[in-house]
Amino acid sequence: MADTAAQIITIDGPAGVGKSTISRKVAARYGFTYLDTGAMYRAVAWYLVKHGIRLDDIPAVESVLDRITITLLPAEQEDGDVGVVLNGEDISAQIRTPAISMVASTVSALPAVREKLTAMQRQIGAQGRVVAEGRDTGTVVFPQASHKFYLDATPEARAGRRAQQLRERGETVDEAQLLEMTIARDRQDSEREVAPLKKAEDAVLIDTTRLDADQVFEAITKLIG
């Protein structure tokens, strides 16, 4: 892989499709950095909620963006989420809730937020050797990436996986409500005007509904080589 574009792998798709697990495995396989773009939007969402800033108050949202610094840390466990530090405070656990997920979906539709975070993501990817995971990494953030993948699965399968993750953390889960939130977020992410969730034309589509992580990983690494 000679140039930077050839050293960027993008893995996009809706919530609960297995992007994080697969992205971590692919990054480890090639010795790349794992860039969790969704965690960055969750961090901004958490900050806005914490400070009582209404999402429809665009001037207020824009006024605080320059006060936000985000640092992503390697996961403490091989199958864990990346750590997130916002303005020096570790908020890794606080941003991984269904409620923050929904707020993050709304926040990610705001042009000023996307502009700020897309610039940060491109800075990280400028040196290459990155596996970028999100919803628009192959379409907007790194359209020049040489390897692009789009993972998908039924809403029922994705809600079930998310429910299992939350239960493993000791949380009580209403799976029917989680399914409703999954469908609502799909609609919100796909219909937004700015960087909507969609498959890049040159991305490889992989349906993970009936595949486990190892099978998806094998399919992707065979294509990358």
Protein backbone atom coordinates (compact mmCIF):
# COMPACT_ATOMS: atom_id res chain seq x y z
CA MET A 1 0.00 0.00 0.00
CA ALA A 2 1.95 2.95 -1.24
CA ASP A 3 -0.29 5.98 -0.82
CA THR A 4 -2.46 7.14 2.06
CA ALA A 5 -5.75 6.34 0.31
CA ALA A 6 -4.63 2.76 -0.16
CA GLN A 7 -4.06 2.53 3.58
CA ILE A 8 -7.62 3.49 4.56
CA ILE A 9 -10.36 0.91 5.05
CA THR A 10 -13.93 2.10 5.67
CA ILE A 11 -16.67 0.04 7.29
CA ASP A 12 -20.10 1.68 7.32
CA GLY A 13 -23.60 0.55 8.20
CA PRO A 14 -26.54 1.08 10.55
CA ALA A 15 -26.52 0.68 14.33
CA GLY A 16 -26.07 -2.80 15.75
CA VAL A 17 -24.78 -4.39 12.57
CA GLY A 18 -21.43 -5.44 14.06
CA LYS A 19 -19.27 -2.64 12.67
CA SER A 20 -17.29 -2.07 15.87
CA THR A 21 -16.41 -5.72 16.40
CA ILE A 22 -15.37 -6.22 12.79
CA SER A 23 -13.48 -2.92 12.56
CA ARG A 24 -11.43 -3.78 15.64
CA LYS A 25 -10.58 -7.21 14.25
CA VAL A 26 -9.62 -5.83 10.83
CA ALA A 27 -7.49 -3.07 12.40
CA ALA A 28 -5.69 -5.64 14.55
CA ARG A 29 -5.14 -7.91 11.54
CA TYR A 30 -3.31 -5.22 9.57
CA GLY A 31 -1.83 -3.22 12.43
CA PHE A 32 -3.99 -0.21 11.63
CA THR A 33 -5.56 2.41 13.90
CA TYR A 34 -9.26 1.86 14.63
CA LEU A 35 -11.22 5.10 14.15
CA ASP A 36 -14.67 4.94 15.77
CA THR A 37 -16.38 7.99 14.25
CA GLY A 38 -19.67 7.19 15.96
CA ALA A 39 -18.05 7.57 19.37
CA MET A 40 -17.12 11.12 18.43
CA TYR A 41 -20.74 12.02 17.64
CA ARG A 42 -21.86 10.37 20.85
CA ALA A 43 -19.35 12.50 22.75
CA VAL A 44 -20.74 15.71 21.28
CA ALA A 45 -24.28 14.53 22.01
CA TRP A 46 -23.35 13.82 25.63
CA TYR A 47 -21.78 17.26 26.01
CA LEU A 48 -24.86 19.02 24.66
CA VAL A 49 -27.19 17.04 26.91
CA LYS A 50 -24.99 17.61 29.96
CA HIS A 51 -24.93 21.36 29.39
CA GLY A 52 -28.63 21.62 28.59
CA ILE A 53 -28.13 22.86 25.05
CA ARG A 54 -31.18 22.27 22.86
CA LEU A 55 -30.42 20.52 19.60
CA ASP A 56 -32.71 22.86 17.70
CA ASP A 57 -30.83 25.91 19.01
CA ILE A 58 -28.27 25.87 16.22
CA PRO A 59 -26.43 29.07 17.26
CA ALA A 60 -25.99 27.67 20.77
CA VAL A 61 -24.69 24.35 19.42
CA GLU A 62 -22.28 26.09 17.07
CA SER A 63 -21.03 28.37 19.85
CA VAL A 64 -19.73 25.48 21.96
CA LEU A 65 -18.05 23.37 19.28
CA ASP A 66 -14.71 25.13 19.65
CA ARG A 67 -14.75 24.27 23.36
CA ILE A 68 -14.87 20.55 22.66
CA THR A 69 -11.76 18.41 22.35
CA ILE A 70 -12.09 14.66 21.87
CA THR A 71 -9.45 12.01 22.33
CA LEU A 72 -10.04 8.37 21.42
CA LEU A 73 -8.20 5.76 23.47
CA PRO A 74 -7.53 2.12 22.60
CA ALA A 75 -10.06 -0.29 24.07
CA GLU A 76 -9.05 -1.75 27.42
CA GLN A 77 -10.16 -5.18 26.23
CA GLU A 78 -9.75 -6.74 22.82
CA ASP A 79 -13.53 -6.86 22.27
CA GLY A 80 -14.32 -3.62 24.11
CA ASP A 81 -15.31 -0.18 22.91
CA VAL A 82 -12.73 2.54 22.38
CA GLY A 83 -12.29 4.93 25.27
CA VAL A 84 -13.50 8.50 24.84
CA VAL A 85 -12.09 11.50 26.68
CA LEU A 86 -13.90 14.81 26.25
CA ASN A 87 -12.15 17.92 27.55
CA GLY A 88 -10.05 15.75 29.83
CA GLU A 89 -12.99 13.76 31.26
CA ASP A 90 -13.36 10.04 30.52
CA ILE A 91 -16.95 9.61 29.34
CA SER A 92 -16.53 6.16 27.79
CA ALA A 93 -19.36 4.53 29.75
CA GLN A 94 -21.76 7.49 29.63
CA ILE A 95 -21.94 7.62 25.83
CA ARG A 96 -22.83 3.95 25.28
CA THR A 97 -26.54 4.13 26.09
CA PRO A 98 -29.56 3.85 23.74
CA ALA A 99 -30.66 7.34 24.78
CA ILE A 100 -27.33 8.92 23.79
CA SER A 101 -27.44 6.91 20.56
CA MET A 102 -30.67 8.62 19.58
CA VAL A 103 -29.34 12.06 20.49
CA ALA A 104 -26.16 11.33 18.54
CA SER A 105 -28.24 10.54 15.46
CA THR A 106 -29.86 13.99 15.68
CA VAL A 107 -26.55 15.72 16.43
CA SER A 108 -24.87 14.05 13.47
CA ALA A 109 -27.36 15.71 11.13
CA LEU A 110 -26.19 19.19 12.13
CA PRO A 111 -23.87 20.62 9.45
CA ALA A 112 -21.58 22.46 11.89
CA VAL A 113 -21.04 19.32 13.96
CA ARG A 114 -20.33 17.19 10.91
CA GLU A 115 -17.90 19.78 9.56
CA LYS A 116 -15.95 19.85 12.82
CA LEU A 117 -15.83 16.09 13.32
CA THR A 118 -15.18 15.27 9.68
CA ALA A 119 -12.13 17.56 9.82
CA MET A 120 -10.91 15.80 12.97
CA GLN A 121 -11.43 12.39 11.37
CA ARG A 122 -9.54 13.38 8.24
CA GLN A 123 -6.64 14.59 10.37
CA ILE A 124 -6.48 11.16 11.98
CA GLY A 125 -6.63 9.48 8.58
CA ALA A 126 -4.04 11.76 6.98
CA GLN A 127 -1.18 9.45 7.91
CA GLY A 128 -2.97 6.38 6.59
CA ARG A 129 -3.18 2.92 8.18
CA VAL A 130 -6.71 3.52 9.48
CA VAL A 131 -9.85 1.41 9.70
CA ALA A 132 -12.66 3.98 9.88
CA GLU A 133 -16.05 2.87 11.14
CA GLY A 134 -19.26 4.86 10.94
CA ARG A 135 -22.11 5.83 8.66
CA ASP A 136 -20.43 8.07 6.10
CA THR A 137 -16.76 7.14 6.22
CA GLY A 138 -16.82 5.67 2.72
CA THR A 139 -19.12 8.30 1.21
CA VAL A 140 -18.00 11.57 2.82
CA VAL A 141 -15.02 11.31 5.17
CA PHE A 142 -12.73 9.10 3.09
CA PRO A 143 -14.30 8.77 -0.39
CA GLN A 144 -10.82 8.00 -1.74
CA ALA A 145 -10.35 4.90 0.45
CA SER A 146 -9.28 1.89 -1.53
CA HIS A 147 -11.26 -0.64 0.51
CA LYS A 148 -14.87 0.09 1.44
CA PHE A 149 -17.42 -2.15 3.09
CA TYR A 150 -21.06 -1.67 4.05
CA LEU A 151 -22.49 -4.04 6.64
CA ASP A 152 -26.22 -4.55 6.99
CA ALA A 153 -28.67 -6.82 8.84
CA THR A 154 -32.35 -6.92 9.70
CA PRO A 155 -33.52 -4.52 12.43
CA GLU A 156 -34.58 -7.51 14.53
CA ALA A 157 -31.12 -9.07 14.39
CA ARG A 158 -29.44 -5.76 15.19
CA ALA A 159 -31.73 -4.97 18.12
CA GLY A 160 -31.16 -8.47 19.49
CA ARG A 161 -27.38 -8.05 19.35
CA ARG A 162 -27.55 -4.69 21.08
CA ALA A 163 -29.82 -6.11 23.77
CA GLN A 164 -27.33 -8.88 24.42
CA GLN A 165 -24.48 -6.37 24.73
CA LEU A 166 -26.42 -4.33 27.28
CA ARG A 167 -27.40 -7.42 29.28
CA GLU A 168 -23.77 -8.47 29.43
CA ARG A 169 -23.09 -5.11 31.08
CA GLY A 170 -25.72 -5.88 33.70
CA GLU A 171 -28.36 -3.54 32.27
CA THR A 172 -32.09 -4.28 32.07
CA VAL A 173 -33.32 -4.22 28.47
CA ASP A 174 -36.75 -3.78 26.90
CA GLU A 175 -36.04 -5.50 23.59
CA ALA A 176 -39.29 -4.34 21.95
CA GLN A 177 -38.47 -0.74 22.79
CA LEU A 178 -34.91 -1.25 21.56
CA LEU A 179 -36.26 -2.53 18.23
CA GLU A 180 -38.46 0.56 17.90
CA MET A 181 -35.45 2.79 18.61
CA THR A 182 -33.35 0.87 16.06
CA ILE A 183 -35.95 1.39 13.33
CA ALA A 184 -36.40 5.04 14.28
CA ARG A 185 -32.66 5.65 14.17
CA ASP A 186 -32.38 3.94 10.78
CA ARG A 187 -35.04 6.30 9.43
CA GLN A 188 -33.44 9.34 11.03
CA ASP A 189 -29.94 8.48 9.78
CA SER A 190 -31.08 7.63 6.26
CA GLU A 191 -33.37 10.62 5.72
CA ARG A 192 -31.15 13.41 7.04
CA GLU A 193 -30.01 15.93 4.45
CA VAL A 194 -26.37 16.04 5.53
CA ALA A 195 -24.27 12.90 4.96
CA PRO A 196 -27.15 10.41 5.14
CA LEU A 197 -26.54 6.77 5.93
CA LYS A 198 -26.07 5.00 2.62
CA LYS A 199 -23.79 2.56 0.89
CA ALA A 200 -20.96 4.04 -1.16
CA GLU A 201 -21.30 3.02 -4.80
CA ASP A 202 -17.95 1.25 -4.70
CA ALA A 203 -18.44 -0.39 -1.28
CA VAL A 204 -18.88 -4.14 -0.86
CA LEU A 205 -22.21 -5.01 0.79
CA ILE A 206 -22.15 -7.77 3.40
CA ASP A 207 -25.39 -8.93 5.05
CA THR A 208 -24.45 -10.01 8.57
CA THR A 209 -27.91 -11.21 9.63
CA ARG A 210 -26.91 -14.86 9.59
CA LEU A 211 -23.13 -14.45 9.84
CA ASP A 212 -21.00 -14.37 12.95
CA ALA A 213 -18.10 -11.98 13.44
CA ASP A 214 -15.49 -14.51 12.29
CA GLN A 215 -17.33 -15.14 9.03
CA VAL A 216 -17.64 -11.42 8.28
CA PHE A 217 -13.99 -10.89 9.18
CA GLU A 218 -12.93 -13.70 6.85
CA ALA A 219 -14.98 -12.26 3.97
CA ILE A 220 -13.45 -8.81 4.40
CA THR A 221 -9.84 -9.91 4.78
CA LYS A 222 -10.11 -12.15 1.72
CA LEU A 223 -11.11 -9.11 -0.32
CA ILE A 224 -8.41 -6.89 1.15
CA GLY A 225 -5.70 -9.51 0.76
